[in-house]
Amino acid sequence: MEVVPALYVIATPIGNLEDISLRALRLLREVKLIAAEDTRTTRRLLTAYDIKTPLTSYHEHSKRAKLDYILDYLEKEDLALVSEAGMPGLSDPGYELIVSAIERGISVVPVPGASAVITALVVSGLPTDQFVYVGFLPRRKGQRQRLLNSIAEERRTIVAFETRHRLTEVLNEIEEILGDRRLCVCRELTKVHEEIFR
């Protein structure tokens, strides 16, 4: 029986390097190449576990140049895809690689683990039975306000990512557009300086 190469979509820690599965560590050692959103962050993780597997970058600015190379590589060999933090394909360029691999008939194997979305949701104290994830809020104020207006009537818990630089401005916009709602802000989850504001 012929062994078919696979794209292993491997979750990495969102902060604390100990939050990685044994399976993920084994696969990161076994593959011959890792496509990483941020090679510096991934190198720190690999070094912590004495993993010597070579890295190739696959991020927002390199994805067009690297996509065909990685897909061609996957025709012959297994490859691991990792995000800077958390599960690849969720608010990062890994999504396009995963879709392209599926379209080419390449096996895509999830290796679950840490997720900032789920981690924030479960510690928020907000309902977890149904939620809406809107990803990173748009940088431009007009686009961001249009998005907020589009979810103004949403009753499920809403999860969004925002940078600390715009957080105060965005919180003011949320209050103005979405009104008086329960809110939770999580930052540096699983790290030494973790903060959760409810």
Protein backbone atom coordinates (compact mmCIF):
# COMPACT_ATOMS: atom_id res chain seq x y z
CA MET A 1 0.00 0.00 0.00
CA GLU A 2 1.40 3.37 -1.05
CA VAL A 3 1.89 5.95 1.71
CA VAL A 4 0.38 9.27 0.64
CA PRO A 5 2.09 12.45 1.87
CA ALA A 6 0.09 14.66 4.22
CA LEU A 7 -0.12 18.27 5.27
CA TYR A 8 -0.14 18.21 9.07
CA VAL A 9 -1.93 21.30 10.39
CA ILE A 10 -0.37 21.55 13.84
CA ALA A 11 -1.55 23.81 16.66
CA THR A 12 1.23 25.54 18.57
CA PRO A 13 1.12 27.21 22.00
CA ILE A 14 -0.58 30.61 22.21
CA GLY A 15 1.83 31.68 24.93
CA ASN A 16 3.04 29.04 27.35
CA LEU A 17 5.41 26.69 25.49
CA GLU A 18 4.24 23.75 27.63
CA ASP A 19 0.81 23.90 25.96
CA ILE A 20 1.70 21.57 23.07
CA SER A 21 0.67 17.97 22.56
CA LEU A 22 2.98 14.98 22.49
CA ARG A 23 1.62 14.14 19.04
CA ALA A 24 2.49 17.62 17.77
CA LEU A 25 6.05 17.30 19.08
CA ARG A 26 6.45 13.86 17.50
CA LEU A 27 5.23 15.08 14.10
CA LEU A 28 7.40 18.20 14.23
CA ARG A 29 10.37 15.85 14.68
CA GLU A 30 9.28 13.37 12.00
CA VAL A 31 8.52 15.68 9.08
CA LYS A 32 11.43 16.89 6.97
CA LEU A 33 10.13 20.45 6.61
CA ILE A 34 7.91 22.84 8.58
CA ALA A 35 6.10 25.76 6.94
CA ALA A 36 5.92 28.47 9.60
CA GLU A 37 4.04 31.76 9.72
CA ASP A 38 6.81 33.22 11.89
CA THR A 39 10.10 31.32 11.73
CA ARG A 40 11.54 33.15 14.77
CA THR A 41 8.65 32.15 17.03
CA THR A 42 8.67 28.60 15.68
CA ARG A 43 12.45 28.32 16.09
CA ARG A 44 12.05 29.23 19.81
CA LEU A 45 9.47 26.46 20.20
CA LEU A 46 11.60 23.91 18.35
CA THR A 47 14.71 24.86 20.32
CA ALA A 48 12.83 24.42 23.62
CA TYR A 49 12.11 20.81 22.62
CA ASP A 50 15.43 20.13 20.84
CA ILE A 51 13.76 19.70 17.44
CA LYS A 52 16.08 20.32 14.49
CA THR A 53 13.59 20.15 11.58
CA PRO A 54 14.25 22.81 8.91
CA LEU A 55 11.79 25.68 8.48
CA THR A 56 10.46 27.55 5.48
CA SER A 57 8.49 30.75 5.90
CA TYR A 58 4.84 30.87 4.89
CA HIS A 59 3.26 34.16 5.91
CA GLU A 60 1.04 36.89 4.50
CA HIS A 61 3.87 38.44 2.45
CA SER A 62 5.47 35.19 1.20
CA LYS A 63 2.41 33.03 0.55
CA ARG A 64 2.09 33.79 -3.17
CA ALA A 65 5.75 32.98 -3.81
CA LYS A 66 5.76 29.88 -1.57
CA LEU A 67 2.37 28.28 -2.27
CA ASP A 68 3.36 26.32 -5.39
CA TYR A 69 6.71 25.31 -3.86
CA ILE A 70 4.97 23.89 -0.77
CA LEU A 71 2.25 22.16 -2.78
CA ASP A 72 4.86 20.56 -5.05
CA TYR A 73 6.80 19.47 -1.94
CA LEU A 74 3.62 17.88 -0.57
CA GLU A 75 3.33 15.71 -3.68
CA LYS A 76 6.42 13.83 -2.42
CA GLU A 77 6.82 14.42 1.33
CA ASP A 78 4.86 15.14 4.50
CA LEU A 79 4.98 18.73 5.70
CA ALA A 80 3.89 20.44 8.91
CA LEU A 81 2.12 23.80 8.85
CA VAL A 82 2.31 25.93 11.98
CA SER A 83 0.96 29.34 12.85
CA GLU A 84 2.73 31.95 14.95
CA ALA A 85 0.41 30.86 17.76
CA GLY A 86 -2.60 28.58 17.91
CA MET A 87 -4.24 26.66 15.09
CA PRO A 88 -3.09 27.38 11.53
CA GLY A 89 -5.78 28.51 9.11
CA LEU A 90 -7.66 30.57 11.66
CA SER A 91 -7.06 34.26 10.93
CA ASP A 92 -3.75 33.49 9.22
CA PRO A 93 -2.43 32.65 5.74
CA GLY A 94 -2.50 28.91 6.43
CA TYR A 95 -6.11 28.89 5.26
CA GLU A 96 -5.11 29.34 1.61
CA LEU A 97 -2.53 26.55 1.79
CA ILE A 98 -5.06 24.19 3.38
CA VAL A 99 -7.69 24.94 0.71
CA SER A 100 -5.13 24.54 -2.09
CA ALA A 101 -3.93 21.22 -0.65
CA ILE A 102 -7.51 19.93 -0.47
CA GLU A 103 -8.13 21.02 -4.08
CA ARG A 104 -5.02 19.05 -5.16
CA GLY A 105 -6.22 15.95 -3.33
CA ILE A 106 -3.49 16.15 -0.68
CA SER A 107 -4.39 14.67 2.69
CA VAL A 108 -4.87 17.39 5.34
CA VAL A 109 -4.49 16.10 8.89
CA PRO A 110 -5.46 18.28 11.88
CA VAL A 111 -3.32 18.12 15.02
CA PRO A 112 -5.44 20.11 17.50
CA GLY A 113 -4.26 22.10 20.45
CA ALA A 114 -4.27 25.62 21.80
CA SER A 115 -6.66 28.18 20.35
CA ALA A 116 -6.85 31.80 21.50
CA VAL A 117 -10.49 31.96 20.36
CA ILE A 118 -11.66 29.04 22.50
CA THR A 119 -9.38 29.89 25.43
CA ALA A 120 -10.72 33.45 25.62
CA LEU A 121 -14.30 32.27 25.17
CA VAL A 122 -14.25 29.76 28.03
CA VAL A 123 -12.66 32.14 30.56
CA SER A 124 -14.83 35.11 29.56
CA GLY A 125 -17.81 34.15 31.69
CA LEU A 126 -20.01 34.76 28.63
CA PRO A 127 -22.26 32.08 27.10
CA THR A 128 -20.23 29.43 25.28
CA ASP A 129 -23.00 27.30 23.79
CA GLN A 130 -23.21 29.51 20.68
CA PHE A 131 -20.76 32.12 19.51
CA VAL A 132 -19.70 34.09 16.44
CA TYR A 133 -16.03 34.59 15.59
CA VAL A 134 -15.40 37.67 13.43
CA GLY A 135 -11.59 37.46 13.32
CA PHE A 136 -9.44 40.58 13.43
CA LEU A 137 -11.50 43.75 13.35
CA PRO A 138 -10.73 45.95 10.31
CA ARG A 139 -8.01 48.56 10.78
CA ARG A 140 -9.94 51.30 9.02
CA LYS A 141 -12.52 52.94 11.25
CA GLY A 142 -15.27 53.05 8.60
CA GLN A 143 -14.90 49.35 7.76
CA ARG A 144 -14.75 48.45 11.44
CA GLN A 145 -17.91 50.43 12.20
CA ARG A 146 -19.72 48.76 9.29
CA LEU A 147 -18.78 45.36 10.71
CA LEU A 148 -19.93 46.36 14.20
CA ASN A 149 -23.22 47.65 12.78
CA SER A 150 -23.72 44.35 10.93
CA ILE A 151 -23.51 42.42 14.22
CA ALA A 152 -25.40 44.92 16.37
CA GLU A 153 -28.45 42.64 16.68
CA GLU A 154 -26.37 39.49 17.29
CA ARG A 155 -27.34 37.80 20.57
CA ARG A 156 -24.71 35.07 20.53
CA THR A 157 -21.34 35.73 22.15
CA ILE A 158 -19.07 37.57 19.72
CA VAL A 159 -15.33 36.86 19.68
CA ALA A 160 -12.96 39.26 17.91
CA PHE A 161 -9.25 39.98 17.84
CA GLU A 162 -7.84 43.49 18.21
CA THR A 163 -4.39 44.96 18.74
CA ARG A 164 -3.58 46.71 21.99
CA HIS A 165 -2.80 49.91 20.06
CA ARG A 166 -6.43 50.37 18.94
CA LEU A 167 -8.16 48.74 21.89
CA THR A 168 -9.39 51.91 23.65
CA GLU A 169 -10.76 53.35 20.41
CA VAL A 170 -12.44 50.06 19.52
CA LEU A 171 -13.99 49.64 22.97
CA ASN A 172 -15.51 53.12 22.64
CA GLU A 173 -16.91 52.19 19.21
CA ILE A 174 -18.33 48.94 20.58
CA GLU A 175 -20.11 50.82 23.36
CA GLU A 176 -21.43 53.41 20.89
CA ILE A 177 -22.65 50.88 18.30
CA LEU A 178 -23.48 47.75 20.29
CA GLY A 179 -24.70 49.48 23.42
CA ASP A 180 -24.52 48.28 26.99
CA ARG A 181 -23.28 44.69 26.83
CA ARG A 182 -21.21 42.36 28.94
CA LEU A 183 -17.68 42.29 27.63
CA CYS A 184 -14.41 40.51 28.33
CA VAL A 185 -10.94 41.57 27.18
CA CYS A 186 -8.21 38.93 27.34
CA ARG A 187 -4.56 39.61 26.70
CA GLU A 188 -1.36 37.61 26.97
CA LEU A 189 -3.37 34.42 27.58
CA THR A 190 -1.34 31.58 29.13
CA LYS A 191 1.68 33.88 29.56
CA VAL A 192 3.22 35.23 32.77
CA HIS A 193 1.46 38.61 32.39
CA GLU A 194 -1.95 37.20 31.44
CA GLU A 195 -4.81 39.65 32.06
CA ILE A 196 -8.55 39.10 31.83
CA PHE A 197 -10.89 42.07 32.24
CA ARG A 198 -14.61 41.31 32.61
